[in-house]
PDB file of N, CA and C in Angstrom:
ATOM      1  N   MET A   1      15.906   4.530 -12.098  1.00  0.00           N
ATOM      2  CA  MET A   1      15.891   4.900 -10.516  1.00  0.00           C
ATOM      3  C   MET A   1      15.645   6.467 -10.589  1.00  0.00           C
ATOM      4  N   TYR A   2      14.628   6.725  -9.601  1.00  0.00           N
ATOM      5  CA  TYR A   2      14.260   8.177  -9.398  1.00  0.00           C
ATOM      6  C   TYR A   2      14.685   8.514  -7.996  1.00  0.00           C
ATOM      7  N   SER A   3      14.845   9.866  -7.787  1.00  0.00           N
ATOM      8  CA  SER A   3      15.004  10.442  -6.485  1.00  0.00           C
ATOM      9  C   SER A   3      13.786  10.261  -5.713  1.00  0.00           C
ATOM     10  N   PRO A   4      13.836  10.162  -4.414  1.00  0.00           N
ATOM     11  CA  PRO A   4      12.529  10.007  -3.607  1.00  0.00           C
ATOM     12  C   PRO A   4      11.715  11.351  -3.834  1.00  0.00           C
ATOM     13  N   LYS A   5      10.267  11.270  -3.904  1.00  0.00           N
ATOM     14  CA  LYS A   5       9.383  12.248  -3.941  1.00  0.00           C
ATOM     15  C   LYS A   5       8.579  12.421  -2.648  1.00  0.00           C
ATOM     16  N   LYS A   6       8.246  13.311  -2.291  1.00  0.00           N
ATOM     17  CA  LYS A   6       7.184  13.369  -1.066  1.00  0.00           C
ATOM     18  C   LYS A   6       5.875  12.936  -1.544  1.00  0.00           C
ATOM     19  N   TYR A   7       5.033  12.389  -0.672  1.00  0.00           N
ATOM     20  CA  TYR A   7       3.746  11.849  -1.090  1.00  0.00           C
ATOM     21  C   TYR A   7       2.905  13.053  -1.519  1.00  0.00           C
ATOM     22  N   ALA A   8       2.979  14.145  -1.089  1.00  0.00           N
ATOM     23  CA  ALA A   8       2.154  15.403  -1.642  1.00  0.00           C
ATOM     24  C   ALA A   8       2.577  15.701  -2.963  1.00  0.00           C
ATOM     25  N   ASP A   9       3.784  15.377  -3.489  1.00  0.00           N
ATOM     26  CA  ASP A   9       4.303  15.755  -4.724  1.00  0.00           C
ATOM     27  C   ASP A   9       4.118  14.621  -5.915  1.00  0.00           C
ATOM     28  N   MET A  10       3.486  13.622  -5.496  1.00  0.00           N
ATOM     29  CA  MET A  10       3.430  12.388  -6.394  1.00  0.00           C
ATOM     30  C   MET A  10       1.888  12.434  -7.068  1.00  0.00           C
ATOM     31  N   SER A  11       1.818  12.090  -8.208  1.00  0.00           N
ATOM     32  CA  SER A  11       0.612  11.914  -8.825  1.00  0.00           C
ATOM     33  C   SER A  11      -0.205  10.745  -8.376  1.00  0.00           C
ATOM     34  N   LEU A  12      -1.287  10.569  -8.567  1.00  0.00           N
ATOM     35  CA  LEU A  12      -2.167   9.356  -8.142  1.00  0.00           C
ATOM     36  C   LEU A  12      -1.437   8.174  -8.669  1.00  0.00           C
ATOM     37  N   GLN A  13      -1.010   8.093  -9.964  1.00  0.00           N
ATOM     38  CA  GLN A  13      -0.508   7.039 -10.598  1.00  0.00           C
ATOM     39  C   GLN A  13       0.964   6.691 -10.137  1.00  0.00           C
ATOM     40  N   GLU A  14       1.569   7.705  -9.670  1.00  0.00           N
ATOM     41  CA  GLU A  14       2.900   7.342  -8.965  1.00  0.00           C
ATOM     42  C   GLU A  14       2.659   6.837  -7.494  1.00  0.00           C
ATOM     43  N   ARG A  15       1.602   7.327  -6.795  1.00  0.00           N
ATOM     44  CA  ARG A  15       1.351   6.782  -5.496  1.00  0.00           C
ATOM     45  C   ARG A  15       0.935   5.262  -5.806  1.00  0.00           C
ATOM     46  N   ILE A  16       0.021   5.065  -6.522  1.00  0.00           N
ATOM     47  CA  ILE A  16      -0.413   3.654  -6.790  1.00  0.00           C
ATOM     48  C   ILE A  16       0.791   2.709  -7.196  1.00  0.00           C
ATOM     49  N   GLU A  17       1.681   3.324  -7.907  1.00  0.00           N
ATOM     50  CA  GLU A  17       2.899   2.338  -8.313  1.00  0.00           C
ATOM     51  C   GLU A  17       3.766   2.182  -7.010  1.00  0.00           C
ATOM     52  N   ALA A  18       3.879   3.273  -6.341  1.00  0.00           N
ATOM     53  CA  ALA A  18       4.842   3.036  -5.032  1.00  0.00           C
ATOM     54  C   ALA A  18       4.006   2.057  -3.992  1.00  0.00           C
ATOM     55  N   CYS A  19       2.715   2.109  -4.043  1.00  0.00           N
ATOM     56  CA  CYS A  19       2.018   1.230  -3.088  1.00  0.00           C
ATOM     57  C   CYS A  19       2.265  -0.113  -3.628  1.00  0.00           C
ATOM     58  N   TYR A  20       2.206  -0.309  -4.891  1.00  0.00           N
ATOM     59  CA  TYR A  20       2.495  -1.854  -5.456  1.00  0.00           C
ATOM     60  C   TYR A  20       3.923  -2.195  -5.110  1.00  0.00           C
ATOM     61  N   GLN A  21       4.839  -1.341  -5.448  1.00  0.00           N
ATOM     62  CA  GLN A  21       6.165  -1.673  -5.131  1.00  0.00           C
ATOM     63  C   GLN A  21       6.397  -2.013  -3.661  1.00  0.00           C
ATOM     64  N   HIS A  22       5.817  -1.139  -2.828  1.00  0.00           N
ATOM     65  CA  HIS A  22       5.989  -1.617  -1.455  1.00  0.00           C
ATOM     66  C   HIS A  22       5.315  -2.871  -1.085  1.00  0.00           C
ATOM     67  N   SER A  23       4.237  -3.222  -1.686  1.00  0.00           N
ATOM     68  CA  SER A  23       3.615  -4.530  -1.557  1.00  0.00           C
ATOM     69  C   SER A  23       4.519  -5.703  -1.895  1.00  0.00           C
ATOM     70  N   VAL A  24       5.160  -5.466  -2.932  1.00  0.00           N
ATOM     71  CA  VAL A  24       6.100  -6.490  -3.411  1.00  0.00           C
ATOM     72  C   VAL A  24       7.204  -6.756  -2.601  1.00  0.00           C
ATOM     73  N   VAL A  25       7.924  -5.555  -1.987  1.00  0.00           N
ATOM     74  CA  VAL A  25       8.963  -5.608  -1.061  1.00  0.00           C
ATOM     75  C   VAL A  25       8.572  -6.354   0.143  1.00  0.00           C
ATOM     76  N   GLN A  26       7.493  -5.993   0.613  1.00  0.00           N
ATOM     77  CA  GLN A  26       6.973  -6.647   1.914  1.00  0.00           C
ATOM     78  C   GLN A  26       6.571  -8.129   1.667  1.00  0.00           C
ATOM     79  N   TYR A  27       5.919  -8.516   0.552  1.00  0.00           N
ATOM     80  CA  TYR A  27       5.786  -9.838   0.249  1.00  0.00           C
ATOM     81  C   TYR A  27       6.813 -10.762   0.294  1.00  0.00           C
ATOM     82  N   TYR A  28       8.019 -10.219  -0.381  1.00  0.00           N
ATOM     83  CA  TYR A  28       9.312 -11.001  -0.463  1.00  0.00           C
ATOM     84  C   TYR A  28       9.885 -10.785   0.975  1.00  0.00           C
ATOM     85  N   GLY A  29       9.596 -10.073   1.766  1.00  0.00           N
ATOM     86  CA  GLY A  29      10.194 -10.025   3.108  1.00  0.00           C
ATOM     87  C   GLY A  29       9.243 -10.786   4.066  1.00  0.00           C
ATOM     88  N   ASN A  30       8.353 -11.557   3.673  1.00  0.00           N
ATOM     89  CA  ASN A  30       7.332 -12.390   4.400  1.00  0.00           C
ATOM     90  C   ASN A  30       6.647 -11.444   5.413  1.00  0.00           C
ATOM     91  N   GLU A  31       6.266 -10.488   5.025  1.00  0.00           N
ATOM     92  CA  GLU A  31       5.478  -9.510   5.985  1.00  0.00           C
ATOM     93  C   GLU A  31       4.272  -9.024   5.485  1.00  0.00           C
ATOM     94  N   GLY A  32       4.113  -8.825   4.325  1.00  0.00           N
ATOM     95  CA  GLY A  32       2.844  -8.223   3.737  1.00  0.00           C
ATOM     96  C   GLY A  32       2.728  -6.611   4.090  1.00  0.00           C
ATOM     97  N   MET A  33       2.158  -6.016   3.280  1.00  0.00           N
ATOM     98  CA  MET A  33       1.904  -4.646   3.467  1.00  0.00           C
ATOM     99  C   MET A  33       0.706  -4.394   4.124  1.00  0.00           C
ATOM    100  N   THR A  34       0.843  -3.372   5.119  1.00  0.00           N
ATOM    101  CA  THR A  34      -0.290  -2.864   5.836  1.00  0.00           C
ATOM    102  C   THR A  34      -0.391  -1.331   5.773  1.00  0.00           C
ATOM    103  N   ASN A  35      -1.548  -0.780   6.159  1.00  0.00           N
ATOM    104  CA  ASN A  35      -1.629   0.705   6.145  1.00  0.00           C
ATOM    105  C   ASN A  35      -0.468   1.233   7.005  1.00  0.00           C
ATOM    106  N   ALA A  36      -0.070   0.733   8.160  1.00  0.00           N
ATOM    107  CA  ALA A  36       0.991   1.224   8.943  1.00  0.00           C
ATOM    108  C   ALA A  36       2.181   1.182   8.204  1.00  0.00           C
ATOM    109  N   SER A  37       2.641   0.118   7.476  1.00  0.00           N
ATOM    110  CA  SER A  37       3.896   0.005   6.768  1.00  0.00           C
ATOM    111  C   SER A  37       3.960   0.762   5.590  1.00  0.00           C
ATOM    112  N   LEU A  38       2.927   1.237   4.963  1.00  0.00           N
ATOM    113  CA  LEU A  38       2.912   2.117   3.955  1.00  0.00           C
ATOM    114  C   LEU A  38       3.005   3.509   4.292  1.00  0.00           C
ATOM    115  N   ARG A  39       2.375   3.967   5.346  1.00  0.00           N
ATOM    116  CA  ARG A  39       2.550   5.151   6.063  1.00  0.00           C
ATOM    117  C   ARG A  39       4.014   5.232   6.388  1.00  0.00           C
ATOM    118  N   GLN A  40       4.641   4.345   7.045  1.00  0.00           N
ATOM    119  CA  GLN A  40       6.023   4.482   7.314  1.00  0.00           C
ATOM    120  C   GLN A  40       6.813   4.762   6.212  1.00  0.00           C
ATOM    121  N   ARG A  41       6.618   4.042   4.978  1.00  0.00           N
ATOM    122  CA  ARG A  41       7.383   4.067   3.769  1.00  0.00           C
ATOM    123  C   ARG A  41       7.207   5.609   3.272  1.00  0.00           C
ATOM    124  N   PHE A  42       6.175   6.140   3.422  1.00  0.00           N
ATOM    125  CA  PHE A  42       5.917   7.479   2.820  1.00  0.00           C
ATOM    126  C   PHE A  42       6.297   8.562   4.111  1.00  0.00           C
ATOM    127  N   GLY A  43       6.786   8.253   5.248  1.00  0.00           N
ATOM    128  CA  GLY A  43       6.972   8.960   6.411  1.00  0.00           C
ATOM    129  C   GLY A  43       5.865   9.894   6.783  1.00  0.00           C
ATOM    130  N   MET A  44       4.640   9.207   6.762  1.00  0.00           N
ATOM    131  CA  MET A  44       3.510   9.974   7.315  1.00  0.00           C
ATOM    132  C   MET A  44       3.277   9.482   8.808  1.00  0.00           C
ATOM    133  N   HIS A  45       2.386  10.526   9.309  1.00  0.00           N
ATOM    134  CA  HIS A  45       1.841  10.302  10.702  1.00  0.00           C
ATOM    135  C   HIS A  45       0.635   9.442  10.758  1.00  0.00           C
ATOM    136  N   ASP A  46       0.547   8.859  12.047  1.00  0.00           N
ATOM    137  CA  ASP A  46      -0.661   8.108  12.258  1.00  0.00           C
ATOM    138  C   ASP A  46      -1.965   8.650  11.887  1.00  0.00           C
ATOM    139  N   LYS A  47      -2.101   9.988  12.076  1.00  0.00           N
ATOM    140  CA  LYS A  47      -3.242  10.774  11.792  1.00  0.00           C
ATOM    141  C   LYS A  47      -3.608  10.809  10.288  1.00  0.00           C
ATOM    142  N   GLN A  48      -2.693  10.263   9.444  1.00  0.00           N
ATOM    143  CA  GLN A  48      -2.794  10.459   7.979  1.00  0.00           C
ATOM    144  C   GLN A  48      -3.175   8.884   7.493  1.00  0.00           C
ATOM    145  N   ALA A  49      -3.745   8.201   8.381  1.00  0.00           N
ATOM    146  CA  ALA A  49      -4.067   6.790   7.973  1.00  0.00           C
ATOM    147  C   ALA A  49      -5.321   6.890   7.074  1.00  0.00           C
ATOM    148  N   SER A  50      -6.139   7.748   7.062  1.00  0.00           N
ATOM    149  CA  SER A  50      -7.241   7.598   6.133  1.00  0.00           C
ATOM    150  C   SER A  50      -6.734   8.035   4.606  1.00  0.00           C
ATOM    151  N   GLN A  51      -5.739   8.835   4.515  1.00  0.00           N
ATOM    152  CA  GLN A  51      -5.135   9.197   3.206  1.00  0.00           C
ATOM    153  C   GLN A  51      -4.597   7.771   2.654  1.00  0.00           C
ATOM    154  N   ILE A  52      -3.892   7.022   3.503  1.00  0.00           N
ATOM    155  CA  ILE A  52      -3.278   5.834   3.058  1.00  0.00           C
ATOM    156  C   ILE A  52      -4.410   4.717   2.665  1.00  0.00           C
ATOM    157  N   SER A  53      -5.456   4.806   3.492  1.00  0.00           N
ATOM    158  CA  SER A  53      -6.500   3.865   3.179  1.00  0.00           C
ATOM    159  C   SER A  53      -7.167   4.120   1.959  1.00  0.00           C
ATOM    160  N   ARG A  54      -7.301   5.420   1.482  1.00  0.00           N
ATOM    161  CA  ARG A  54      -7.925   5.817   0.224  1.00  0.00           C
ATOM    162  C   ARG A  54      -6.975   5.240  -0.883  1.00  0.00           C
ATOM    163  N   LEU A  55      -5.670   5.548  -0.688  1.00  0.00           N
ATOM    164  CA  LEU A  55      -4.678   5.121  -1.807  1.00  0.00           C
ATOM    165  C   LEU A  55      -4.803   3.520  -1.823  1.00  0.00           C
ATOM    166  N   ILE A  56      -4.807   2.761  -0.696  1.00  0.00           N
ATOM    167  CA  ILE A  56      -4.996   1.317  -0.768  1.00  0.00           C
ATOM    168  C   ILE A  56      -6.194   0.787  -1.584  1.00  0.00           C
ATOM    169  N   ARG A  57      -7.204   1.606  -1.276  1.00  0.00           N
ATOM    170  CA  ARG A  57      -8.467   1.339  -2.102  1.00  0.00           C
ATOM    171  C   ARG A  57      -8.414   1.583  -3.624  1.00  0.00           C
ATOM    172  N   GLU A  58      -7.684   2.820  -4.054  1.00  0.00           N
ATOM    173  CA  GLU A  58      -7.167   2.990  -5.329  1.00  0.00           C
ATOM    174  C   GLU A  58      -6.444   2.047  -5.897  1.00  0.00           C
ATOM    175  N   ALA A  59      -5.402   1.425  -5.171  1.00  0.00           N
ATOM    176  CA  ALA A  59      -4.481   0.398  -5.759  1.00  0.00           C
ATOM    177  C   ALA A  59      -5.324  -0.855  -5.981  1.00  0.00           C
ATOM    178  N   ILE A  60      -6.258  -1.229  -5.198  1.00  0.00           N
ATOM    179  CA  ILE A  60      -7.057  -2.402  -5.346  1.00  0.00           C
ATOM    180  C   ILE A  60      -7.874  -2.298  -6.522  1.00  0.00           C
ATOM    181  N   ASP A  61      -8.580  -1.104  -6.643  1.00  0.00           N
ATOM    182  CA  ASP A  61      -9.330  -0.856  -7.802  1.00  0.00           C
ATOM    183  C   ASP A  61      -8.731  -0.746  -9.105  1.00  0.00           C
ATOM    184  N   ALA A  62      -7.441  -0.577  -9.068  1.00  0.00           N
ATOM    185  CA  ALA A  62      -6.470  -0.391 -10.248  1.00  0.00           C
ATOM    186  C   ALA A  62      -6.003  -1.925 -10.556  1.00  0.00           C
ATOM    187  N   GLY A  63      -6.309  -2.816  -9.670  1.00  0.00           N
ATOM    188  CA  GLY A  63      -5.905  -4.326  -9.812  1.00  0.00           C
ATOM    189  C   GLY A  63      -4.406  -4.442  -9.441  1.00  0.00           C
ATOM    190  N   ARG A  64      -3.797  -3.527  -8.673  1.00  0.00           N
ATOM    191  CA  ARG A  64      -2.199  -3.833  -8.401  1.00  0.00           C
ATOM    192  C   ARG A  64      -1.959  -4.453  -7.228  1.00  0.00           C
ATOM    193  N   ILE A  65      -2.804  -4.437  -6.146  1.00  0.00           N
ATOM    194  CA  ILE A  65      -2.777  -5.253  -4.993  1.00  0.00           C
ATOM    195  C   ILE A  65      -3.929  -5.826  -4.578  1.00  0.00           C
ATOM    196  N   LYS A  66      -3.991  -6.798  -3.756  1.00  0.00           N
ATOM    197  CA  LYS A  66      -5.240  -7.524  -3.203  1.00  0.00           C
ATOM    198  C   LYS A  66      -4.921  -7.809  -1.691  1.00  0.00           C
ATOM    199  N   SER A  67      -6.100  -8.166  -1.004  1.00  0.00           N
ATOM    200  CA  SER A  67      -6.056  -8.346   0.516  1.00  0.00           C
ATOM    201  C   SER A  67      -5.532  -9.994   0.532  1.00  0.00           C
ATOM    202  N   LYS A  68      -4.670 -10.298   1.457  1.00  0.00           N
ATOM    203  CA  LYS A  68      -4.206 -11.651   1.652  1.00  0.00           C
ATOM    204  C   LYS A  68      -5.389 -12.457   2.126  1.00  0.00           C
ATOM    205  N   ASP A  69      -6.333 -11.995   2.926  1.00  0.00           N
ATOM    206  CA  ASP A  69      -7.478 -12.726   3.255  1.00  0.00           C
ATOM    207  C   ASP A  69      -8.687 -11.990   2.734  1.00  0.00           C
ATOM    208  N   PRO A  70      -9.372 -12.309   1.501  1.00  0.00           N
ATOM    209  CA  PRO A  70     -10.528 -11.637   1.105  1.00  0.00           C
ATOM    210  C   PRO A  70     -11.738 -11.658   2.065  1.00  0.00           C
ATOM    211  N   ASP A  71     -11.754 -12.698   2.878  1.00  0.00           N
ATOM    212  CA  ASP A  71     -12.884 -12.838   3.716  1.00  0.00           C
ATOM    213  C   ASP A  71     -12.882 -12.127   5.033  1.00  0.00           C
ATOM    214  N   ASN A  72     -11.619 -11.529   5.290  1.00  0.00           N
ATOM    215  CA  ASN A  72     -11.476 -10.712   6.439  1.00  0.00           C
ATOM    216  C   ASN A  72     -12.426  -9.391   6.371  1.00  0.00           C
ATOM    217  N   GLU A  73     -13.108  -9.218   7.341  1.00  0.00           N
ATOM    218  CA  GLU A  73     -14.202  -8.057   7.347  1.00  0.00           C
ATOM    219  C   GLU A  73     -13.429  -6.833   7.942  1.00  0.00           C
ATOM    220  N   SER A  74     -12.420  -7.156   8.716  1.00  0.00           N
ATOM    221  CA  SER A  74     -11.843  -5.767   9.435  1.00  0.00           C
ATOM    222  C   SER A  74     -10.916  -5.241   8.486  1.00  0.00           C
ATOM    223  N   ARG A  75     -10.637  -4.044   8.336  1.00  0.00           N
ATOM    224  CA  ARG A  75      -9.594  -3.359   7.484  1.00  0.00           C
ATOM    225  C   ARG A  75      -8.483  -2.985   8.332  1.00  0.00           C
ATOM    226  N   LYS A  76      -8.598  -2.874   9.653  1.00  0.00           N
ATOM    227  CA  LYS A  76      -7.624  -2.098  10.458  1.00  0.00           C
ATOM    228  C   LYS A  76      -6.327  -2.958  10.408  1.00  0.00           C
ATOM    229  N   PHE A  77      -6.301  -4.278  10.519  1.00  0.00           N
ATOM    230  CA  PHE A  77      -5.065  -5.022  10.443  1.00  0.00           C
ATOM    231  C   PHE A  77      -4.804  -5.727   9.081  1.00  0.00           C
ATOM    232  N   THR A  78      -5.615  -5.460   8.121  1.00  0.00           N
ATOM    233  CA  THR A  78      -5.582  -6.109   6.777  1.00  0.00           C
ATOM    234  C   THR A  78      -4.186  -6.205   6.220  1.00  0.00           C
ATOM    235  N   ILE A  79      -3.795  -7.267   5.686  1.00  0.00           N
ATOM    236  CA  ILE A  79      -2.444  -7.481   5.081  1.00  0.00           C
ATOM    237  C   ILE A  79      -2.570  -7.575   3.420  1.00  0.00           C
ATOM    238  N   TYR A  80      -1.795  -6.814   2.747  1.00  0.00           N
ATOM    239  CA  TYR A  80      -2.015  -6.783   1.285  1.00  0.00           C
ATOM    240  C   TYR A  80      -0.846  -7.230   0.682  1.00  0.00           C
ATOM    241  N   TRP A  81      -1.125  -7.950  -0.654  1.00  0.00           N
ATOM    242  CA  TRP A  81       0.058  -8.557  -1.408  1.00  0.00           C
ATOM    243  C   TRP A  81      -0.197  -7.962  -2.783  1.00  0.00           C
ATOM    244  N   PRO A  82       0.684  -8.114  -3.456  1.00  0.00           N
ATOM    245  CA  PRO A  82       0.583  -7.903  -4.896  1.00  0.00           C
ATOM    246  C   PRO A  82      -0.373  -8.729  -5.635  1.00  0.00           C
ATOM    247  N   TYR A  83      -0.907  -8.132  -6.535  1.00  0.00           N
ATOM    248  CA  TYR A  83      -2.110  -8.843  -7.384  1.00  0.00           C
ATOM    249  C   TYR A  83      -1.719 -10.222  -7.748  1.00  0.00           C
ATOM    250  N   TRP A  84      -0.601 -10.656  -8.045  1.00  0.00           N
ATOM    251  CA  TRP A  84      -0.008 -11.936  -8.622  1.00  0.00           C
ATOM    252  C   TRP A  84       0.128 -12.825  -7.537  1.00  0.00           C
ATOM    253  N   ALA A  85       0.285 -12.451  -6.101  1.00  0.00           N
ATOM    254  CA  ALA A  85       0.568 -13.372  -5.071  1.00  0.00           C
ATOM    255  C   ALA A  85      -0.514 -14.445  -4.894  1.00  0.00           C
ATOM    256  N   MET A  86      -0.199 -15.574  -4.369  1.00  0.00           N
ATOM    257  CA  MET A  86      -1.129 -16.603  -4.100  1.00  0.00           C
ATOM    258  C   MET A  86      -2.329 -15.879  -3.304  1.00  0.00           C
TER     259      MET A  86
END
């Protein structure tokens, strides 16, 4: 276990891992991860949504998370799950 780090102090790999871990917690909480839930986890403001969107894209590209509904065209309310979830 590590002490919490601020988003700005994390490397890209650490951010992707935090994103993945948050998706796992949200998945088991029957909620799923969203841009808003990840911003809240990092203690970020609504105006920083684009930073989180880029992180989510990086986590998808790294194969750590996936969209719950791949046919969903809208990204605004997309729910993300860990890569291994149904």
